[in-house]
Amino acid sequence: MKTQRSGPEPAPAARRTLYRLLADGVAGFHIFWTLLVFGGAIAMIAVPSYAFMEIVVLSITLLASLPLRFTCPVTLLERSLRRKLDPMYDNQGSFMVTYINKIAGTHFRRRTMDAAIGAIYILIYAYGVLMLVYK
């Protein structure tokens, strides 16, 4: 007796490999970008002239997510690719929530993480502007 699954069937083996590589590459880029955003805050302390670049990086991040109701387009792309591998995959709409919960064994909810990230973005942005104004 066949068991019925909801959603599309998983992709064939060759495509699965391609989707896994693409999804992992997107996740790798997302890690890089996240480190660029949060590491930039530290870089501004050590190198005040980096403030302009950090404001650019934050602005790109926020502007890219605005049309998607503050959901990162890179998160959506990774979810789309991972669902080709596993139609039941769910990243809760947040890269940070997914991987922090997975790595640290926590149970943060997306709204909690979004509020924390938003507050951090505002603080980094304000600090960057102050660095530019008072350099």
N, C-alpha and C. Protein backbone atom coordinates (compact mmCIF):
# COMPACT_ATOMS: atom_id res chain seq x y z
N MET A 1 0.84 -1.18 0.00
CA MET A 1 0.00 0.00 0.00
C MET A 1 0.89 1.25 0.00
N LYS A 2 0.61 2.15 -0.91
CA LYS A 2 1.39 3.38 -1.03
C LYS A 2 0.94 4.41 0.00
N THR A 3 1.93 5.13 0.53
CA THR A 3 1.64 6.22 1.44
C THR A 3 1.61 7.51 0.64
N GLN A 4 0.61 8.31 0.82
CA GLN A 4 0.52 9.56 0.09
C GLN A 4 1.26 10.65 0.83
N ARG A 5 2.05 11.42 0.06
CA ARG A 5 2.76 12.58 0.61
C ARG A 5 2.10 13.83 0.08
N SER A 6 2.06 14.84 0.88
CA SER A 6 1.55 16.10 0.38
C SER A 6 2.71 16.88 -0.21
N GLY A 7 2.44 17.67 -1.21
CA GLY A 7 3.48 18.48 -1.84
C GLY A 7 4.12 17.75 -3.00
N PRO A 8 5.02 18.43 -3.68
CA PRO A 8 5.66 17.84 -4.86
C PRO A 8 6.62 16.71 -4.46
N GLU A 9 6.86 15.81 -5.42
CA GLU A 9 7.80 14.71 -5.21
C GLU A 9 9.22 15.24 -5.15
N PRO A 10 10.11 14.56 -4.40
CA PRO A 10 11.52 14.97 -4.38
C PRO A 10 12.14 14.84 -5.77
N ALA A 11 13.18 15.63 -6.01
CA ALA A 11 13.85 15.64 -7.31
C ALA A 11 14.69 14.38 -7.49
N PRO A 12 14.98 13.99 -8.77
CA PRO A 12 15.87 12.85 -9.03
C PRO A 12 17.27 13.10 -8.46
N ALA A 13 18.08 12.04 -8.37
CA ALA A 13 19.38 12.08 -7.69
C ALA A 13 20.32 13.17 -8.22
N ALA A 14 20.46 13.30 -9.54
CA ALA A 14 21.38 14.31 -10.10
C ALA A 14 20.92 15.72 -9.74
N ARG A 15 19.65 15.94 -9.83
CA ARG A 15 19.12 17.26 -9.47
C ARG A 15 19.23 17.50 -7.98
N ARG A 16 19.05 16.44 -7.20
CA ARG A 16 19.17 16.57 -5.74
C ARG A 16 20.57 17.06 -5.38
N THR A 17 21.58 16.50 -6.04
CA THR A 17 22.96 16.92 -5.79
C THR A 17 23.13 18.38 -6.15
N LEU A 18 22.60 18.77 -7.29
CA LEU A 18 22.69 20.17 -7.72
C LEU A 18 21.98 21.09 -6.73
N TYR A 19 20.76 20.72 -6.34
CA TYR A 19 20.01 21.55 -5.39
C TYR A 19 20.73 21.64 -4.04
N ARG A 20 21.33 20.53 -3.60
CA ARG A 20 22.06 20.54 -2.33
C ARG A 20 23.26 21.49 -2.42
N LEU A 21 24.01 21.41 -3.53
CA LEU A 21 25.16 22.31 -3.71
C LEU A 21 24.72 23.76 -3.76
N LEU A 22 23.65 24.04 -4.50
CA LEU A 22 23.15 25.41 -4.60
C LEU A 22 22.66 25.91 -3.24
N ALA A 23 21.89 25.08 -2.54
CA ALA A 23 21.37 25.48 -1.22
C ALA A 23 22.51 25.71 -0.24
N ASP A 24 23.51 24.84 -0.27
CA ASP A 24 24.66 25.02 0.62
C ASP A 24 25.45 26.27 0.25
N GLY A 25 25.56 26.55 -1.06
CA GLY A 25 26.25 27.77 -1.50
C GLY A 25 25.51 29.02 -1.05
N VAL A 26 24.18 28.99 -1.16
CA VAL A 26 23.36 30.12 -0.72
C VAL A 26 23.51 30.29 0.80
N ALA A 27 23.50 29.19 1.55
CA ALA A 27 23.69 29.27 3.00
C ALA A 27 25.08 29.83 3.32
N GLY A 28 26.09 29.41 2.57
CA GLY A 28 27.44 29.93 2.77
C GLY A 28 27.51 31.42 2.52
N PHE A 29 26.87 31.88 1.43
CA PHE A 29 26.82 33.31 1.15
C PHE A 29 26.11 34.05 2.29
N HIS A 30 25.03 33.43 2.79
CA HIS A 30 24.25 34.05 3.87
C HIS A 30 25.09 34.18 5.14
N ILE A 31 25.90 33.17 5.43
CA ILE A 31 26.80 33.24 6.59
C ILE A 31 27.80 34.38 6.38
N PHE A 32 28.37 34.45 5.18
CA PHE A 32 29.32 35.53 4.86
C PHE A 32 28.69 36.90 5.06
N TRP A 33 27.48 37.08 4.52
CA TRP A 33 26.80 38.38 4.61
C TRP A 33 26.47 38.72 6.06
N THR A 34 26.02 37.72 6.81
CA THR A 34 25.69 37.94 8.22
C THR A 34 26.94 38.36 9.00
N LEU A 35 28.05 37.69 8.72
CA LEU A 35 29.31 38.07 9.37
C LEU A 35 29.74 39.47 8.94
N LEU A 36 29.49 39.81 7.69
CA LEU A 36 29.82 41.15 7.20
C LEU A 36 29.01 42.21 7.94
N VAL A 37 27.73 41.94 8.14
CA VAL A 37 26.87 42.90 8.85
C VAL A 37 27.28 43.03 10.31
N PHE A 38 27.35 41.91 11.02
CA PHE A 38 27.64 41.97 12.45
C PHE A 38 29.12 42.19 12.74
N GLY A 39 29.98 41.64 11.90
CA GLY A 39 31.41 41.89 12.05
C GLY A 39 31.77 43.32 11.73
N GLY A 40 30.99 43.94 10.85
CA GLY A 40 31.21 45.34 10.50
C GLY A 40 31.04 46.26 11.69
N ALA A 41 30.16 45.87 12.59
CA ALA A 41 29.97 46.69 13.81
C ALA A 41 31.26 46.70 14.63
N ILE A 42 31.89 45.57 14.71
CA ILE A 42 33.16 45.48 15.44
C ILE A 42 34.26 46.21 14.66
N ALA A 43 34.23 46.05 13.34
CA ALA A 43 35.24 46.71 12.50
C ALA A 43 35.17 48.23 12.63
N MET A 44 33.97 48.77 12.80
CA MET A 44 33.83 50.22 12.95
C MET A 44 34.53 50.74 14.20
N ILE A 45 34.56 49.92 15.23
CA ILE A 45 35.25 50.33 16.46
C ILE A 45 36.75 50.39 16.22
N ALA A 46 37.26 49.38 15.53
CA ALA A 46 38.70 49.32 15.27
C ALA A 46 39.13 50.28 14.16
N VAL A 47 38.28 50.40 13.13
CA VAL A 47 38.61 51.23 11.97
C VAL A 47 37.41 52.15 11.69
N PRO A 48 37.38 53.33 12.29
CA PRO A 48 36.22 54.22 12.15
C PRO A 48 35.86 54.55 10.70
N SER A 49 36.83 54.52 9.80
CA SER A 49 36.52 54.84 8.40
C SER A 49 35.68 53.75 7.73
N TYR A 50 35.55 52.59 8.38
CA TYR A 50 34.71 51.51 7.85
C TYR A 50 33.22 51.81 8.02
N ALA A 51 32.88 52.82 8.78
CA ALA A 51 31.48 53.15 9.08
C ALA A 51 30.65 53.34 7.82
N PHE A 52 31.21 54.02 6.82
CA PHE A 52 30.45 54.25 5.58
C PHE A 52 30.10 52.92 4.92
N MET A 53 31.07 52.00 4.84
CA MET A 53 30.82 50.70 4.22
C MET A 53 29.78 49.91 5.00
N GLU A 54 29.83 50.00 6.31
CA GLU A 54 28.85 49.29 7.13
C GLU A 54 27.44 49.83 6.91
N ILE A 55 27.32 51.14 6.77
CA ILE A 55 26.00 51.73 6.49
C ILE A 55 25.50 51.27 5.13
N VAL A 56 26.38 51.16 4.16
CA VAL A 56 25.99 50.66 2.82
C VAL A 56 25.51 49.22 2.92
N VAL A 57 26.26 48.38 3.63
CA VAL A 57 25.89 46.96 3.78
C VAL A 57 24.54 46.83 4.49
N LEU A 58 24.34 47.56 5.57
CA LEU A 58 23.06 47.53 6.28
C LEU A 58 21.91 48.03 5.41
N SER A 59 22.16 49.08 4.66
CA SER A 59 21.13 49.64 3.78
C SER A 59 20.72 48.64 2.70
N ILE A 60 21.69 47.98 2.10
CA ILE A 60 21.39 46.96 1.09
C ILE A 60 20.57 45.84 1.72
N THR A 61 20.96 45.42 2.90
CA THR A 61 20.25 44.34 3.60
C THR A 61 18.80 44.73 3.87
N LEU A 62 18.59 45.92 4.40
CA LEU A 62 17.24 46.36 4.72
C LEU A 62 16.39 46.63 3.48
N LEU A 63 16.98 47.25 2.47
CA LEU A 63 16.23 47.54 1.25
C LEU A 63 15.85 46.27 0.49
N ALA A 64 16.71 45.27 0.53
CA ALA A 64 16.40 44.00 -0.14
C ALA A 64 15.24 43.27 0.55
N SER A 65 15.10 43.46 1.85
CA SER A 65 14.06 42.75 2.58
C SER A 65 12.74 43.52 2.68
N LEU A 66 12.76 44.81 2.39
CA LEU A 66 11.54 45.62 2.51
C LEU A 66 10.38 45.11 1.66
N PRO A 67 10.58 44.83 0.36
CA PRO A 67 9.43 44.39 -0.45
C PRO A 67 8.88 43.04 0.01
N LEU A 68 9.66 42.29 0.79
CA LEU A 68 9.24 40.96 1.23
C LEU A 68 8.80 40.97 2.69
N ARG A 69 8.36 42.13 3.16
CA ARG A 69 7.89 42.30 4.54
C ARG A 69 8.96 41.90 5.55
N PHE A 70 10.17 42.40 5.30
CA PHE A 70 11.34 42.18 6.15
C PHE A 70 11.76 40.72 6.24
N THR A 71 11.49 39.96 5.17
CA THR A 71 12.03 38.61 5.06
C THR A 71 13.17 38.67 4.07
N CYS A 72 14.30 38.13 4.43
CA CYS A 72 15.49 38.19 3.59
C CYS A 72 15.29 37.36 2.32
N PRO A 73 15.56 37.95 1.15
CA PRO A 73 15.42 37.18 -0.09
C PRO A 73 16.37 35.99 -0.17
N VAL A 74 17.50 36.06 0.50
CA VAL A 74 18.43 34.93 0.50
C VAL A 74 17.84 33.77 1.30
N THR A 75 17.13 34.07 2.37
CA THR A 75 16.44 33.04 3.15
C THR A 75 15.39 32.35 2.29
N LEU A 76 14.64 33.14 1.54
CA LEU A 76 13.60 32.56 0.68
C LEU A 76 14.20 31.68 -0.41
N LEU A 77 15.33 32.11 -0.98
CA LEU A 77 16.00 31.32 -2.01
C LEU A 77 16.50 30.00 -1.42
N GLU A 78 17.12 30.06 -0.25
CA GLU A 78 17.59 28.82 0.36
C GLU A 78 16.42 27.88 0.66
N ARG A 79 15.33 28.41 1.19
CA ARG A 79 14.17 27.59 1.49
C ARG A 79 13.63 26.93 0.22
N SER A 80 13.56 27.69 -0.85
CA SER A 80 13.07 27.15 -2.12
C SER A 80 13.95 26.00 -2.60
N LEU A 81 15.27 26.17 -2.52
CA LEU A 81 16.18 25.10 -2.95
C LEU A 81 16.10 23.89 -2.03
N ARG A 82 16.02 24.11 -0.73
CA ARG A 82 15.95 22.98 0.21
C ARG A 82 14.62 22.24 0.08
N ARG A 83 13.57 22.93 -0.30
CA ARG A 83 12.27 22.25 -0.50
C ARG A 83 12.28 21.37 -1.74
N LYS A 84 13.20 21.63 -2.66
CA LYS A 84 13.36 20.73 -3.81
C LYS A 84 13.92 19.39 -3.33
N LEU A 85 14.69 19.43 -2.24
CA LEU A 85 15.26 18.21 -1.66
C LEU A 85 14.29 17.54 -0.71
N ASP A 86 13.60 18.35 0.08
CA ASP A 86 12.66 17.85 1.07
C ASP A 86 11.46 18.78 1.08
N PRO A 87 10.35 18.36 0.46
CA PRO A 87 9.17 19.23 0.38
C PRO A 87 8.63 19.69 1.73
N MET A 88 9.01 19.01 2.80
CA MET A 88 8.52 19.37 4.13
C MET A 88 9.49 20.32 4.86
N TYR A 89 10.59 20.72 4.21
CA TYR A 89 11.57 21.59 4.86
C TYR A 89 10.93 22.93 5.24
N ASP A 90 11.24 23.38 6.44
CA ASP A 90 10.74 24.68 6.89
C ASP A 90 11.84 25.39 7.67
N ASN A 91 12.22 26.58 7.21
CA ASN A 91 13.24 27.34 7.93
C ASN A 91 12.61 28.45 8.77
N GLN A 92 11.34 28.35 9.01
CA GLN A 92 10.60 29.29 9.85
C GLN A 92 10.69 30.72 9.33
N GLY A 93 11.11 30.87 8.06
CA GLY A 93 11.21 32.20 7.47
C GLY A 93 12.39 33.00 7.96
N SER A 94 13.32 32.35 8.65
CA SER A 94 14.45 33.09 9.21
C SER A 94 15.70 32.21 9.23
N PHE A 95 16.72 32.67 8.54
CA PHE A 95 18.02 32.00 8.53
C PHE A 95 18.59 31.92 9.94
N MET A 96 18.55 33.04 10.65
CA MET A 96 19.13 33.10 11.99
C MET A 96 18.41 32.15 12.95
N VAL A 97 17.09 32.14 12.93
CA VAL A 97 16.34 31.26 13.83
C VAL A 97 16.66 29.80 13.52
N THR A 98 16.64 29.46 12.25
CA THR A 98 16.87 28.08 11.85
C THR A 98 18.22 27.57 12.35
N TYR A 99 19.28 28.32 12.06
CA TYR A 99 20.61 27.81 12.38
C TYR A 99 21.00 28.02 13.84
N ILE A 100 20.54 29.08 14.48
CA ILE A 100 20.82 29.24 15.91
C ILE A 100 20.09 28.14 16.70
N ASN A 101 18.84 27.89 16.36
CA ASN A 101 18.11 26.83 17.04
C ASN A 101 18.75 25.46 16.79
N LYS A 102 19.20 25.23 15.56
CA LYS A 102 19.80 23.94 15.22
C LYS A 102 21.14 23.76 15.94
N ILE A 103 21.99 24.78 15.93
CA ILE A 103 23.34 24.68 16.50
C ILE A 103 23.31 24.74 18.02
N ALA A 104 22.55 25.68 18.56
CA ALA A 104 22.55 25.88 20.02
C ALA A 104 21.49 25.06 20.75
N GLY A 105 20.60 24.43 20.00
CA GLY A 105 19.55 23.65 20.63
C GLY A 105 18.50 24.51 21.32
N THR A 106 18.39 25.76 20.88
CA THR A 106 17.41 26.67 21.47
C THR A 106 16.07 26.56 20.74
N HIS A 107 15.10 27.30 21.18
CA HIS A 107 13.77 27.29 20.56
C HIS A 107 13.27 28.71 20.36
N PHE A 108 14.14 29.58 19.82
CA PHE A 108 13.71 30.95 19.55
C PHE A 108 12.62 30.94 18.49
N ARG A 109 11.71 31.88 18.61
CA ARG A 109 10.69 32.05 17.59
C ARG A 109 11.13 33.17 16.66
N ARG A 110 10.58 33.18 15.46
CA ARG A 110 10.99 34.16 14.46
C ARG A 110 10.75 35.59 14.95
N ARG A 111 9.62 35.86 15.54
CA ARG A 111 9.33 37.23 15.98
C ARG A 111 10.33 37.73 17.01
N THR A 112 10.72 36.85 17.90
CA THR A 112 11.71 37.21 18.92
C THR A 112 13.04 37.55 18.26
N MET A 113 13.46 36.70 17.34
CA MET A 113 14.73 36.91 16.65
C MET A 113 14.66 38.16 15.76
N ASP A 114 13.55 38.36 15.07
CA ASP A 114 13.41 39.56 14.23
C ASP A 114 13.51 40.83 15.06
N ALA A 115 12.89 40.82 16.24
CA ALA A 115 12.97 42.01 17.10
C ALA A 115 14.40 42.25 17.57
N ALA A 116 15.10 41.19 17.94
CA ALA A 116 16.48 41.33 18.39
C ALA A 116 17.38 41.82 17.25
N ILE A 117 17.23 41.23 16.08
CA ILE A 117 18.05 41.63 14.93
C ILE A 117 17.73 43.07 14.54
N GLY A 118 16.45 43.43 14.54
CA GLY A 118 16.06 44.80 14.22
C GLY A 118 16.69 45.80 15.17
N ALA A 119 16.67 45.48 16.46
CA ALA A 119 17.27 46.38 17.46
C ALA A 119 18.79 46.49 17.23
N ILE A 120 19.42 45.39 16.92
CA ILE A 120 20.87 45.41 16.67
C ILE A 120 21.17 46.23 15.42
N TYR A 121 20.37 46.05 14.37
CA TYR A 121 20.57 46.84 13.14
C TYR A 121 20.47 48.33 13.43
N ILE A 122 19.46 48.71 14.21
CA ILE A 122 19.27 50.13 14.53
C ILE A 122 20.48 50.67 15.30
N LEU A 123 20.95 49.90 16.27
CA LEU A 123 22.12 50.33 17.05
C LEU A 123 23.37 50.45 16.17
N ILE A 124 23.59 49.46 15.31
CA ILE A 124 24.76 49.50 14.42
C ILE A 124 24.66 50.69 13.48
N TYR A 125 23.47 50.89 12.90
CA TYR A 125 23.26 51.99 11.96
C TYR A 125 23.51 53.34 12.65
N ALA A 126 22.93 53.50 13.85
CA ALA A 126 23.10 54.75 14.59
C ALA A 126 24.56 54.98 14.93
N TYR A 127 25.25 53.93 15.37
CA TYR A 127 26.67 54.06 15.69
C TYR A 127 27.48 54.43 14.45
N GLY A 128 27.15 53.83 13.31
CA GLY A 128 27.83 54.15 12.06
C GLY A 128 27.64 55.60 11.66
N VAL A 129 26.42 56.08 11.79
CA VAL A 129 26.13 57.48 11.45
C VAL A 129 26.91 58.40 12.39
N LEU A 130 26.90 58.09 13.66
CA LEU A 130 27.66 58.91 14.62
C LEU A 130 29.16 58.90 14.30
N MET A 131 29.66 57.75 13.89
CA MET A 131 31.08 57.66 13.52
C MET A 131 31.39 58.56 12.33
N LEU A 132 30.47 58.62 11.37
CA LEU A 132 30.67 59.47 10.20
C LEU A 132 30.58 60.95 10.55
N VAL A 133 29.62 61.28 11.39
CA VAL A 133 29.38 62.68 11.76
C VAL A 133 30.53 63.23 12.62
N TYR A 134 31.01 62.43 13.54
CA TYR A 134 32.01 62.91 14.49
C TYR A 134 33.42 62.40 14.25
N LYS A 135 33.73 62.05 13.01
CA LYS A 135 35.11 61.54 12.78
C LYS A 135 36.15 62.60 12.69
